[in-house]
Structure formats: C-alpha cells, structure tokens
C-alpha cells in the first residue's frame, strides 16, 4: 500500500475512534461528523492507493462515485453518505468561526 494511502487510513482510524467515544457519550452530531470524516478518508485512501487524482473535497458522493468508476463496488450507500453529510456543513461552519476568533485574538 502506498504511503499516502496508509496516512489516510491512520487518520481515518483516529476519526472512527473519536466517533465511537462521542457516540458513547451521546454527542451524536459530533459523532456523525467524525464518522463522516472517517469514511471520507477511507475513500481517499483507496483512491490514493490506486494513484487516482481527486479534488480537495469532503463530498462523500463524489468520492464514492470515483471509487465506482474504478470498477469497485460502492463502499457506502448514497443514503448513508447524504445522512453523514447533513452534519458536516454545520460542524465546518463552527470550526471556521472558531479559527477566525482565535486568529483575531
């Protein structure tokens, strides 16, 4: 496996562990966010391992479609991708505001 793919998988495992801890603590929105991040990085790992260039994106549907174009079965259903993506924009918005606040200080 290529080093870039291995790096994506390592980070994906950390996101999955975070999602599991957050889920156990009933912090469901953030658990979904980290689950989405984990799936995103798994998809990117597969693309990187196959040396497929992919755009800088968080869109699971786009990444999953790129996987399907390689002839692999979908790794996630479209319905599950949409469910996970519903929580991403809100989380990214909060993160962006936090970084802007920190930079202004």
C-alpha atoms as a PDB file:
ATOM      1  CA  UNK A   1       0.000   0.000   0.000  1.00  0.00           C
ATOM      2  CA  UNK A   2       1.248   3.473  -0.859  1.00  0.00           C
ATOM      3  CA  UNK A   3       2.412   5.735   1.974  1.00  0.00           C
ATOM      4  CA  UNK A   4      -0.202   8.389   1.193  1.00  0.00           C
ATOM      5  CA  UNK A   5      -2.962   5.767   1.436  1.00  0.00           C
ATOM      6  CA  UNK A   6      -1.563   4.470   4.720  1.00  0.00           C
ATOM      7  CA  UNK A   7      -1.563   8.010   6.126  1.00  0.00           C
ATOM      8  CA  UNK A   8      -5.218   8.495   5.141  1.00  0.00           C
ATOM      9  CA  UNK A   9      -6.113   5.193   6.839  1.00  0.00           C
ATOM     10  CA  UNK A  10      -4.282   6.099  10.064  1.00  0.00           C
ATOM     11  CA  UNK A  11      -6.155   9.385  10.331  1.00  0.00           C
ATOM     12  CA  UNK A  12      -9.408   7.624   9.428  1.00  0.00           C
ATOM     13  CA  UNK A  13      -8.917   5.217  12.330  1.00  0.00           C
ATOM     14  CA  UNK A  14      -8.480   8.164  14.718  1.00  0.00           C
ATOM     15  CA  UNK A  15     -11.672   9.770  13.407  1.00  0.00           C
ATOM     16  CA  UNK A  16     -13.539   6.487  13.877  1.00  0.00           C
ATOM     17  CA  UNK A  17     -12.280   6.155  17.457  1.00  0.00           C
ATOM     18  CA  UNK A  18     -13.399   9.726  18.113  1.00  0.00           C
ATOM     19  CA  UNK A  19     -16.833   8.964  16.653  1.00  0.00           C
ATOM     20  CA  UNK A  20     -17.191   5.911  18.892  1.00  0.00           C
ATOM     21  CA  UNK A  21     -16.285   7.834  22.059  1.00  0.00           C
ATOM     22  CA  UNK A  22     -18.610  10.695  21.150  1.00  0.00           C
ATOM     23  CA  UNK A  23     -21.423   8.271  20.375  1.00  0.00           C
ATOM     24  CA  UNK A  24     -20.994   6.569  23.762  1.00  0.00           C
ATOM     25  CA  UNK A  25     -21.292   9.995  25.399  1.00  0.00           C
ATOM     26  CA  UNK A  26     -24.460  10.678  23.390  1.00  0.00           C
ATOM     27  CA  UNK A  27     -22.840  13.536  21.452  1.00  0.00           C
ATOM     28  CA  UNK A  28     -24.478  12.333  18.272  1.00  0.00           C
ATOM     29  CA  UNK A  29     -23.937  15.311  15.971  1.00  0.00           C
ATOM     30  CA  UNK A  30     -20.188  15.308  16.524  1.00  0.00           C
ATOM     31  CA  UNK A  31     -20.129  11.500  16.350  1.00  0.00           C
ATOM     32  CA  UNK A  32     -21.683  11.800  12.883  1.00  0.00           C
ATOM     33  CA  UNK A  33     -19.136  14.448  11.930  1.00  0.00           C
ATOM     34  CA  UNK A  34     -16.194  12.201  12.858  1.00  0.00           C
ATOM     35  CA  UNK A  35     -17.867   9.193  11.210  1.00  0.00           C
ATOM     36  CA  UNK A  36     -18.186  11.240   8.007  1.00  0.00           C
ATOM     37  CA  UNK A  37     -14.531  12.239   8.271  1.00  0.00           C
ATOM     38  CA  UNK A  38     -13.503   8.612   8.747  1.00  0.00           C
ATOM     39  CA  UNK A  39     -15.444   7.439   5.688  1.00  0.00           C
ATOM     40  CA  UNK A  40     -14.088  10.333   3.631  1.00  0.00           C
ATOM     41  CA  UNK A  41     -10.515   9.380   4.466  1.00  0.00           C
ATOM     42  CA  UNK A  42     -11.103   5.695   3.701  1.00  0.00           C
ATOM     43  CA  UNK A  43     -12.396   6.647   0.254  1.00  0.00           C
ATOM     44  CA  UNK A  44      -9.424   8.951  -0.286  1.00  0.00           C
ATOM     45  CA  UNK A  45      -7.060   6.173   0.825  1.00  0.00           C
ATOM     46  CA  UNK A  46      -8.416   3.820  -1.809  1.00  0.00           C
ATOM     47  CA  UNK A  47      -8.154   6.483  -4.497  1.00  0.00           C
ATOM     48  CA  UNK A  48      -4.615   7.398  -3.397  1.00  0.00           C
ATOM     49  CA  UNK A  49      -3.582   3.742  -3.387  1.00  0.00           C
ATOM     50  CA  UNK A  50      -4.795   3.429  -6.986  1.00  0.00           C
ATOM     51  CA  UNK A  51      -2.976   6.683  -7.868  1.00  0.00           C
ATOM     52  CA  UNK A  52      -6.198   8.440  -8.809  1.00  0.00           C
ATOM     53  CA  UNK A  53      -6.115  12.212  -8.550  1.00  0.00           C
ATOM     54  CA  UNK A  54      -9.100  13.501  -6.635  1.00  0.00           C
ATOM     55  CA  UNK A  55     -10.206  17.053  -5.923  1.00  0.00           C
ATOM     56  CA  UNK A  56      -9.964  18.570  -2.486  1.00  0.00           C
ATOM     57  CA  UNK A  57     -13.475  17.739  -1.354  1.00  0.00           C
ATOM     58  CA  UNK A  58     -15.461  16.497   1.615  1.00  0.00           C
ATOM     59  CA  UNK A  59     -18.277  15.221  -0.611  1.00  0.00           C
ATOM     60  CA  UNK A  60     -18.765  11.509   0.044  1.00  0.00           C
ATOM     61  CA  UNK A  61     -20.984  11.062  -3.012  1.00  0.00           C
ATOM     62  CA  UNK A  62     -18.294  12.442  -5.331  1.00  0.00           C
ATOM     63  CA  UNK A  63     -15.587  10.314  -3.742  1.00  0.00           C
ATOM     64  CA  UNK A  64     -17.767   7.200  -3.773  1.00  0.00           C
ATOM     65  CA  UNK A  65     -18.593   7.779  -7.448  1.00  0.00           C
ATOM     66  CA  UNK A  66     -14.870   7.996  -8.198  1.00  0.00           C
ATOM     67  CA  UNK A  67     -14.452   4.605  -6.497  1.00  0.00           C
ATOM     68  CA  UNK A  68     -17.278   3.145  -8.591  1.00  0.00           C
ATOM     69  CA  UNK A  69     -15.658   4.482 -11.796  1.00  0.00           C
ATOM     70  CA  UNK A  70     -12.629   2.328 -10.947  1.00  0.00           C
ATOM     71  CA  UNK A  71     -14.891  -0.714 -11.058  1.00  0.00           C
ATOM     72  CA  UNK A  72     -15.160  -1.207  -7.303  1.00  0.00           C
ATOM     73  CA  UNK A  73     -18.485  -1.623  -5.552  1.00  0.00           C
ATOM     74  CA  UNK A  74     -19.750   1.394  -3.620  1.00  0.00           C
ATOM     75  CA  UNK A  75     -18.243   1.480  -0.141  1.00  0.00           C
ATOM     76  CA  UNK A  76     -21.172   3.450   1.266  1.00  0.00           C
ATOM     77  CA  UNK A  77     -24.755   3.849   0.121  1.00  0.00           C
ATOM     78  CA  UNK A  78     -25.850   7.183  -1.276  1.00  0.00           C
ATOM     79  CA  UNK A  79     -28.411   7.407   1.539  1.00  0.00           C
ATOM     80  CA  UNK A  80     -25.748   6.943   4.226  1.00  0.00           C
ATOM     81  CA  UNK A  81     -23.474   9.477   2.520  1.00  0.00           C
ATOM     82  CA  UNK A  82     -26.263  12.056   2.480  1.00  0.00           C
ATOM     83  CA  UNK A  83     -27.074  11.360   6.138  1.00  0.00           C
ATOM     84  CA  UNK A  84     -23.458  11.874   7.216  1.00  0.00           C
ATOM     85  CA  UNK A  85     -23.052  14.943   5.029  1.00  0.00           C
ATOM     86  CA  UNK A  86     -26.020  16.649   6.701  1.00  0.00           C
ATOM     87  CA  UNK A  87     -23.826  17.159   9.759  1.00  0.00           C
ATOM     88  CA  UNK A  88     -20.664  18.278   8.008  1.00  0.00           C
ATOM     89  CA  UNK A  89     -21.557  21.857   6.939  1.00  0.00           C
ATOM     90  CA  UNK A  90     -22.653  22.811  10.445  1.00  0.00           C
ATOM     91  CA  UNK A  91     -19.503  21.374  12.006  1.00  0.00           C
ATOM     92  CA  UNK A  92     -17.225  23.055   9.447  1.00  0.00           C
ATOM     93  CA  UNK A  93     -19.002  26.376   9.986  1.00  0.00           C
ATOM     94  CA  UNK A  94     -18.412  26.179  13.734  1.00  0.00           C
ATOM     95  CA  UNK A  95     -14.782  25.218  13.180  1.00  0.00           C
ATOM     96  CA  UNK A  96     -14.246  28.117  10.750  1.00  0.00           C
ATOM     97  CA  UNK A  97     -15.729  30.621  13.190  1.00  0.00           C
ATOM     98  CA  UNK A  98     -13.543  29.254  15.991  1.00  0.00           C
ATOM     99  CA  UNK A  99     -10.376  29.638  13.896  1.00  0.00           C
ATOM    100  CA  UNK A 100     -11.379  33.172  12.872  1.00  0.00           C
ATOM    101  CA  UNK A 101     -11.989  34.100  16.507  1.00  0.00           C
ATOM    102  CA  UNK A 102      -8.648  32.617  17.562  1.00  0.00           C
ATOM    103  CA  UNK A 103      -6.805  34.440  14.746  1.00  0.00           C
ATOM    104  CA  UNK A 104      -8.398  37.764  15.690  1.00  0.00           C
ATOM    105  CA  UNK A 105      -7.280  37.440  19.312  1.00  0.00           C
END
